[in-house]
């Protein structure tokens, strides 16, 4: 699967700088198994008829869900990374229409809503994450899955592998930083939190609209 490799668009880091999905590093593989297990459990609990991933990057999860039989699609603000996602779709014999270049703020509830909205590893890139959650409120028909890096653990782990030392371990493009408790409190202002998981080094939430 092709990734962006840390490319930038309009000065913003897009997609995945590092191919963590295909890593041979045993620690990275262990972390990704934890992430995938939590995400898959949340998707199963949601029992969605439709999935829309906002900030889909190169399309890894959308393509996985399609192969598992789900009706899924994805969007990302970056035209460049969406072109990569379309290329990855074609390489699997899937239509390019699965992916669109759209900002989270421009999504239309009439066209872009889904039973399950997914927004993984994206909110930390937003200057106004609260506005992003408000946009997701308009789009979420039933459930929402969110994940963000768990700080300061994320940055500490980067430092232990001698990455981004001048940035004190902060991954390029991350402008928001949340501990688990702070992120839970932040999201609970917008959604009811059904379940919380901590697949290291992330915080992942299964949410739904307040009744």
C-alpha atoms as a PDB file:
ATOM      1  CA  UNK A   1       0.000   0.000   0.000  1.00  0.00           C
ATOM      2  CA  UNK A   2       1.362   3.399  -0.966  1.00  0.00           C
ATOM      3  CA  UNK A   3       1.611   6.103   1.720  1.00  0.00           C
ATOM      4  CA  UNK A   4       2.422   9.792   1.548  1.00  0.00           C
ATOM      5  CA  UNK A   5       5.711   9.396   3.404  1.00  0.00           C
ATOM      6  CA  UNK A   6       5.494  12.700   5.242  1.00  0.00           C
ATOM      7  CA  UNK A   7       4.567  14.880   2.260  1.00  0.00           C
ATOM      8  CA  UNK A   8       3.059  18.306   2.902  1.00  0.00           C
ATOM      9  CA  UNK A   9       0.211  20.190   1.261  1.00  0.00           C
ATOM     10  CA  UNK A  10      -0.162  23.915   1.933  1.00  0.00           C
ATOM     11  CA  UNK A  11       2.400  23.469   4.700  1.00  0.00           C
ATOM     12  CA  UNK A  12       0.375  20.727   6.421  1.00  0.00           C
ATOM     13  CA  UNK A  13       1.674  17.168   6.848  1.00  0.00           C
ATOM     14  CA  UNK A  14      -0.688  14.779   5.042  1.00  0.00           C
ATOM     15  CA  UNK A  15      -1.324  11.071   5.404  1.00  0.00           C
ATOM     16  CA  UNK A  16       1.199   8.828   7.133  1.00  0.00           C
ATOM     17  CA  UNK A  17       4.830   9.855   7.424  1.00  0.00           C
ATOM     18  CA  UNK A  18       5.704   6.293   8.439  1.00  0.00           C
ATOM     19  CA  UNK A  19       4.197   3.045   7.137  1.00  0.00           C
ATOM     20  CA  UNK A  20       3.174   1.665  10.511  1.00  0.00           C
ATOM     21  CA  UNK A  21       0.767  -0.805   8.896  1.00  0.00           C
ATOM     22  CA  UNK A  22       3.577  -2.743   7.185  1.00  0.00           C
ATOM     23  CA  UNK A  23       6.284  -2.233   9.798  1.00  0.00           C
ATOM     24  CA  UNK A  24       8.507  -5.191  10.669  1.00  0.00           C
ATOM     25  CA  UNK A  25       9.359  -3.668  14.045  1.00  0.00           C
ATOM     26  CA  UNK A  26       7.874  -5.998  16.699  1.00  0.00           C
ATOM     27  CA  UNK A  27       6.909  -3.130  19.001  1.00  0.00           C
ATOM     28  CA  UNK A  28       5.146  -1.240  16.220  1.00  0.00           C
ATOM     29  CA  UNK A  29       3.394  -4.449  15.147  1.00  0.00           C
ATOM     30  CA  UNK A  30       2.223  -5.007  18.740  1.00  0.00           C
ATOM     31  CA  UNK A  31       0.890  -1.447  18.986  1.00  0.00           C
ATOM     32  CA  UNK A  32      -0.915  -1.692  15.663  1.00  0.00           C
ATOM     33  CA  UNK A  33      -2.531  -4.986  16.685  1.00  0.00           C
ATOM     34  CA  UNK A  34      -3.888  -3.232  19.766  1.00  0.00           C
ATOM     35  CA  UNK A  35      -5.192  -0.331  17.707  1.00  0.00           C
ATOM     36  CA  UNK A  36      -6.818  -2.613  15.139  1.00  0.00           C
ATOM     37  CA  UNK A  37      -8.384  -4.799  17.836  1.00  0.00           C
ATOM     38  CA  UNK A  38      -9.984  -1.827  19.598  1.00  0.00           C
ATOM     39  CA  UNK A  39     -11.141  -0.249  16.341  1.00  0.00           C
ATOM     40  CA  UNK A  40     -12.593  -3.524  15.040  1.00  0.00           C
ATOM     41  CA  UNK A  41     -14.429  -4.114  18.322  1.00  0.00           C
ATOM     42  CA  UNK A  42     -15.960  -0.647  18.202  1.00  0.00           C
ATOM     43  CA  UNK A  43     -17.032  -1.093  14.565  1.00  0.00           C
ATOM     44  CA  UNK A  44     -18.647  -4.436  15.438  1.00  0.00           C
ATOM     45  CA  UNK A  45     -20.488  -2.927  18.407  1.00  0.00           C
ATOM     46  CA  UNK A  46     -21.818  -0.151  16.174  1.00  0.00           C
ATOM     47  CA  UNK A  47     -23.301  -2.631  13.646  1.00  0.00           C
ATOM     48  CA  UNK A  48     -23.235   0.060  10.935  1.00  0.00           C
ATOM     49  CA  UNK A  49     -24.936  -0.145   7.578  1.00  0.00           C
ATOM     50  CA  UNK A  50     -22.642   2.639   6.372  1.00  0.00           C
ATOM     51  CA  UNK A  51     -19.236   3.975   7.448  1.00  0.00           C
ATOM     52  CA  UNK A  52     -17.658   7.314   6.545  1.00  0.00           C
ATOM     53  CA  UNK A  53     -14.084   7.963   7.633  1.00  0.00           C
ATOM     54  CA  UNK A  54     -13.168  11.631   7.889  1.00  0.00           C
ATOM     55  CA  UNK A  55      -9.442  12.186   7.511  1.00  0.00           C
ATOM     56  CA  UNK A  56      -8.986   8.844   5.766  1.00  0.00           C
ATOM     57  CA  UNK A  57      -5.471   9.575   4.514  1.00  0.00           C
ATOM     58  CA  UNK A  58      -4.316   6.935   2.068  1.00  0.00           C
ATOM     59  CA  UNK A  59      -7.488   4.911   2.621  1.00  0.00           C
ATOM     60  CA  UNK A  60      -6.133   1.986   4.633  1.00  0.00           C
ATOM     61  CA  UNK A  61      -9.143   1.457   6.888  1.00  0.00           C
ATOM     62  CA  UNK A  62     -11.791   2.214   4.266  1.00  0.00           C
ATOM     63  CA  UNK A  63     -10.273  -0.419   1.986  1.00  0.00           C
ATOM     64  CA  UNK A  64     -10.100  -2.897   4.858  1.00  0.00           C
ATOM     65  CA  UNK A  65     -13.775  -2.341   5.701  1.00  0.00           C
ATOM     66  CA  UNK A  66     -14.806  -2.727   2.066  1.00  0.00           C
ATOM     67  CA  UNK A  67     -12.968  -6.047   1.932  1.00  0.00           C
ATOM     68  CA  UNK A  68     -14.802  -7.096   5.111  1.00  0.00           C
ATOM     69  CA  UNK A  69     -18.150  -6.414   3.450  1.00  0.00           C
ATOM     70  CA  UNK A  70     -19.005  -3.009   4.901  1.00  0.00           C
ATOM     71  CA  UNK A  71     -20.342  -0.096   2.867  1.00  0.00           C
ATOM     72  CA  UNK A  72     -17.544   2.388   3.526  1.00  0.00           C
ATOM     73  CA  UNK A  73     -16.088   5.561   2.044  1.00  0.00           C
ATOM     74  CA  UNK A  74     -13.593   8.204   3.053  1.00  0.00           C
ATOM     75  CA  UNK A  75     -12.630  11.834   2.691  1.00  0.00           C
ATOM     76  CA  UNK A  76      -9.625  13.996   3.446  1.00  0.00           C
ATOM     77  CA  UNK A  77      -8.873  17.683   2.995  1.00  0.00           C
ATOM     78  CA  UNK A  78      -5.762  16.830   0.977  1.00  0.00           C
ATOM     79  CA  UNK A  79      -6.197  16.343  -2.762  1.00  0.00           C
ATOM     80  CA  UNK A  80      -2.757  14.749  -2.924  1.00  0.00           C
ATOM     81  CA  UNK A  81      -3.450  12.088  -0.309  1.00  0.00           C
ATOM     82  CA  UNK A  82      -6.855  11.334  -1.853  1.00  0.00           C
ATOM     83  CA  UNK A  83      -5.098  10.658  -5.155  1.00  0.00           C
ATOM     84  CA  UNK A  84      -2.946   8.130  -3.298  1.00  0.00           C
ATOM     85  CA  UNK A  85      -6.084   6.597  -1.741  1.00  0.00           C
ATOM     86  CA  UNK A  86      -7.651   6.290  -5.184  1.00  0.00           C
ATOM     87  CA  UNK A  87      -4.499   4.634  -6.488  1.00  0.00           C
ATOM     88  CA  UNK A  88      -4.612   2.170  -3.585  1.00  0.00           C
ATOM     89  CA  UNK A  89      -8.265   1.446  -4.400  1.00  0.00           C
ATOM     90  CA  UNK A  90      -7.499   0.787  -8.067  1.00  0.00           C
ATOM     91  CA  UNK A  91      -4.717  -1.604  -7.075  1.00  0.00           C
ATOM     92  CA  UNK A  92      -7.368  -3.625  -5.215  1.00  0.00           C
ATOM     93  CA  UNK A  93      -9.862  -3.500  -8.050  1.00  0.00           C
ATOM     94  CA  UNK A  94     -12.094  -1.033  -6.206  1.00  0.00           C
ATOM     95  CA  UNK A  95     -13.659   2.207  -7.528  1.00  0.00           C
ATOM     96  CA  UNK A  96     -11.973   5.562  -7.023  1.00  0.00           C
ATOM     97  CA  UNK A  97     -15.368   7.029  -6.077  1.00  0.00           C
ATOM     98  CA  UNK A  98     -14.848   5.623  -2.568  1.00  0.00           C
ATOM     99  CA  UNK A  99     -12.696   8.671  -1.818  1.00  0.00           C
ATOM    100  CA  UNK A 100     -13.297  12.411  -2.039  1.00  0.00           C
ATOM    101  CA  UNK A 101     -11.222  15.477  -1.236  1.00  0.00           C
ATOM    102  CA  UNK A 102     -13.363  17.308   1.323  1.00  0.00           C
ATOM    103  CA  UNK A 103     -12.641  19.299   4.450  1.00  0.00           C
ATOM    104  CA  UNK A 104     -14.432  18.181   7.592  1.00  0.00           C
ATOM    105  CA  UNK A 105     -15.948  21.666   7.807  1.00  0.00           C
ATOM    106  CA  UNK A 106     -17.477  21.439   4.316  1.00  0.00           C
ATOM    107  CA  UNK A 107     -19.232  18.082   4.645  1.00  0.00           C
ATOM    108  CA  UNK A 108     -22.972  18.094   3.955  1.00  0.00           C
ATOM    109  CA  UNK A 109     -25.225  16.124   6.345  1.00  0.00           C
ATOM    110  CA  UNK A 110     -27.582  15.263   3.484  1.00  0.00           C
ATOM    111  CA  UNK A 111     -24.804  13.679   1.435  1.00  0.00           C
ATOM    112  CA  UNK A 112     -22.025  12.777   3.838  1.00  0.00           C
ATOM    113  CA  UNK A 113     -23.674  11.425   6.997  1.00  0.00           C
ATOM    114  CA  UNK A 114     -23.375   7.737   7.898  1.00  0.00           C
ATOM    115  CA  UNK A 115     -24.476   5.317  10.595  1.00  0.00           C
ATOM    116  CA  UNK A 116     -20.873   5.275  11.798  1.00  0.00           C
ATOM    117  CA  UNK A 117     -18.513   8.200  11.410  1.00  0.00           C
ATOM    118  CA  UNK A 118     -14.842   7.477  12.065  1.00  0.00           C
ATOM    119  CA  UNK A 119     -12.219  10.111  12.769  1.00  0.00           C
ATOM    120  CA  UNK A 120      -8.938   8.486  13.803  1.00  0.00           C
ATOM    121  CA  UNK A 121      -5.672  10.361  14.282  1.00  0.00           C
ATOM    122  CA  UNK A 122      -7.047  13.537  12.774  1.00  0.00           C
ATOM    123  CA  UNK A 123      -8.295  15.868  15.507  1.00  0.00           C
ATOM    124  CA  UNK A 124      -4.747  16.486  16.731  1.00  0.00           C
ATOM    125  CA  UNK A 125      -4.055  18.151  13.369  1.00  0.00           C
ATOM    126  CA  UNK A 126      -6.915  20.676  13.612  1.00  0.00           C
ATOM    127  CA  UNK A 127      -6.457  24.241  14.777  1.00  0.00           C
ATOM    128  CA  UNK A 128     -10.090  24.213  15.941  1.00  0.00           C
ATOM    129  CA  UNK A 129     -10.917  20.665  17.100  1.00  0.00           C
ATOM    130  CA  UNK A 130     -14.128  21.866  18.747  1.00  0.00           C
ATOM    131  CA  UNK A 131     -15.415  23.055  15.387  1.00  0.00           C
ATOM    132  CA  UNK A 132     -14.446  19.666  13.992  1.00  0.00           C
ATOM    133  CA  UNK A 133     -16.549  17.887  16.610  1.00  0.00           C
ATOM    134  CA  UNK A 134     -19.456  20.203  15.894  1.00  0.00           C
ATOM    135  CA  UNK A 135     -19.207  19.213  12.229  1.00  0.00           C
ATOM    136  CA  UNK A 136     -19.242  15.551  13.247  1.00  0.00           C
ATOM    137  CA  UNK A 137     -22.349  16.182  15.336  1.00  0.00           C
ATOM    138  CA  UNK A 138     -24.159  17.158  12.148  1.00  0.00           C
ATOM    139  CA  UNK A 139     -22.950  14.034  10.323  1.00  0.00           C
ATOM    140  CA  UNK A 140     -23.229  11.236  12.879  1.00  0.00           C
ATOM    141  CA  UNK A 141     -26.445   9.253  12.481  1.00  0.00           C
ATOM    142  CA  UNK A 142     -25.739   6.721  15.238  1.00  0.00           C
ATOM    143  CA  UNK A 143     -22.127   6.269  16.365  1.00  0.00           C
ATOM    144  CA  UNK A 144     -18.749   7.962  16.131  1.00  0.00           C
ATOM    145  CA  UNK A 145     -15.280   6.518  16.718  1.00  0.00           C
ATOM    146  CA  UNK A 146     -12.472   8.910  17.636  1.00  0.00           C
ATOM    147  CA  UNK A 147      -8.815   8.294  18.353  1.00  0.00           C
ATOM    148  CA  UNK A 148      -5.915  10.597  19.182  1.00  0.00           C
ATOM    149  CA  UNK A 149      -2.358  10.095  20.432  1.00  0.00           C
ATOM    150  CA  UNK A 150      -2.232   9.772  24.209  1.00  0.00           C
ATOM    151  CA  UNK A 151       0.075  12.456  25.549  1.00  0.00           C
ATOM    152  CA  UNK A 152       2.641  12.776  26.972  1.00  0.00           C
ATOM    153  CA  UNK A 153       3.222   9.060  26.323  1.00  0.00           C
ATOM    154  CA  UNK A 154       3.223   9.545  22.535  1.00  0.00           C
ATOM    155  CA  UNK A 155       5.999  12.124  22.620  1.00  0.00           C
ATOM    156  CA  UNK A 156       8.004  10.139  25.183  1.00  0.00           C
ATOM    157  CA  UNK A 157       7.916   7.066  22.955  1.00  0.00           C
ATOM    158  CA  UNK A 158       9.109   9.153  20.017  1.00  0.00           C
ATOM    159  CA  UNK A 159      12.030  10.399  22.100  1.00  0.00           C
ATOM    160  CA  UNK A 160      12.967   6.886  23.219  1.00  0.00           C
ATOM    161  CA  UNK A 161      13.393   5.920  19.557  1.00  0.00           C
ATOM    162  CA  UNK A 162      15.354   9.150  18.915  1.00  0.00           C
ATOM    163  CA  UNK A 163      12.665  10.678  16.697  1.00  0.00           C
ATOM    164  CA  UNK A 164      11.721  14.382  16.525  1.00  0.00           C
ATOM    165  CA  UNK A 165      14.191  15.264  19.278  1.00  0.00           C
ATOM    166  CA  UNK A 166      14.262  18.972  18.399  1.00  0.00           C
ATOM    167  CA  UNK A 167      10.453  18.947  18.631  1.00  0.00           C
ATOM    168  CA  UNK A 168      10.611  17.242  22.065  1.00  0.00           C
ATOM    169  CA  UNK A 169       9.056  14.121  20.563  1.00  0.00           C
ATOM    170  CA  UNK A 170       6.132  15.851  18.901  1.00  0.00           C
ATOM    171  CA  UNK A 171       5.178  14.272  15.575  1.00  0.00           C
ATOM    172  CA  UNK A 172       5.129  16.788  12.679  1.00  0.00           C
ATOM    173  CA  UNK A 173       1.653  18.184  12.187  1.00  0.00           C
ATOM    174  CA  UNK A 174       0.394  17.509  15.706  1.00  0.00           C
ATOM    175  CA  UNK A 175      -0.819  20.825  17.112  1.00  0.00           C
ATOM    176  CA  UNK A 176      -3.249  19.499  19.743  1.00  0.00           C
ATOM    177  CA  UNK A 177      -2.165  17.367  22.693  1.00  0.00           C
ATOM    178  CA  UNK A 178      -4.478  15.475  25.044  1.00  0.00           C
ATOM    179  CA  UNK A 179      -4.065  13.100  27.945  1.00  0.00           C
ATOM    180  CA  UNK A 180      -6.746  10.412  28.147  1.00  0.00           C
ATOM    181  CA  UNK A 181      -8.776  12.203  30.844  1.00  0.00           C
ATOM    182  CA  UNK A 182      -8.570  15.606  29.163  1.00  0.00           C
ATOM    183  CA  UNK A 183      -9.655  14.162  25.821  1.00  0.00           C
ATOM    184  CA  UNK A 184     -12.586  12.321  27.406  1.00  0.00           C
ATOM    185  CA  UNK A 185     -13.723  15.521  29.110  1.00  0.00           C
ATOM    186  CA  UNK A 186     -13.352  17.487  25.878  1.00  0.00           C
ATOM    187  CA  UNK A 187     -15.335  15.059  23.717  1.00  0.00           C
ATOM    188  CA  UNK A 188     -18.077  14.623  26.349  1.00  0.00           C
ATOM    189  CA  UNK A 189     -19.098  18.242  25.715  1.00  0.00           C
ATOM    190  CA  UNK A 190     -20.280  17.163  22.263  1.00  0.00           C
ATOM    191  CA  UNK A 191     -21.074  13.427  22.439  1.00  0.00           C
ATOM    192  CA  UNK A 192     -22.123  10.764  24.895  1.00  0.00           C
ATOM    193  CA  UNK A 193     -19.160   8.452  25.403  1.00  0.00           C
ATOM    194  CA  UNK A 194     -20.202   4.810  25.252  1.00  0.00           C
ATOM    195  CA  UNK A 195     -16.796   3.217  25.828  1.00  0.00           C
ATOM    196  CA  UNK A 196     -13.169   4.223  26.222  1.00  0.00           C
ATOM    197  CA  UNK A 197     -10.141   2.187  25.187  1.00  0.00           C
ATOM    198  CA  UNK A 198      -6.414   2.881  25.513  1.00  0.00           C
ATOM    199  CA  UNK A 199      -4.554   0.841  22.904  1.00  0.00           C
ATOM    200  CA  UNK A 200      -1.096   2.241  23.590  1.00  0.00           C
ATOM    201  CA  UNK A 201      -0.176   4.878  22.685  1.00  0.00           C
ATOM    202  CA  UNK A 202      -3.665   6.098  21.719  1.00  0.00           C
ATOM    203  CA  UNK A 203      -6.941   7.043  23.324  1.00  0.00           C
ATOM    204  CA  UNK A 204      -9.957   5.682  21.439  1.00  0.00           C
ATOM    205  CA  UNK A 205     -13.602   6.504  22.105  1.00  0.00           C
ATOM    206  CA  UNK A 206     -16.880   5.008  20.933  1.00  0.00           C
ATOM    207  CA  UNK A 207     -19.467   7.798  21.052  1.00  0.00           C
ATOM    208  CA  UNK A 208     -23.065   8.511  20.141  1.00  0.00           C
ATOM    209  CA  UNK A 209     -25.325  11.505  19.978  1.00  0.00           C
ATOM    210  CA  UNK A 210     -26.810  12.702  23.271  1.00  0.00           C
ATOM    211  CA  UNK A 211     -30.459  11.676  23.522  1.00  0.00           C
END
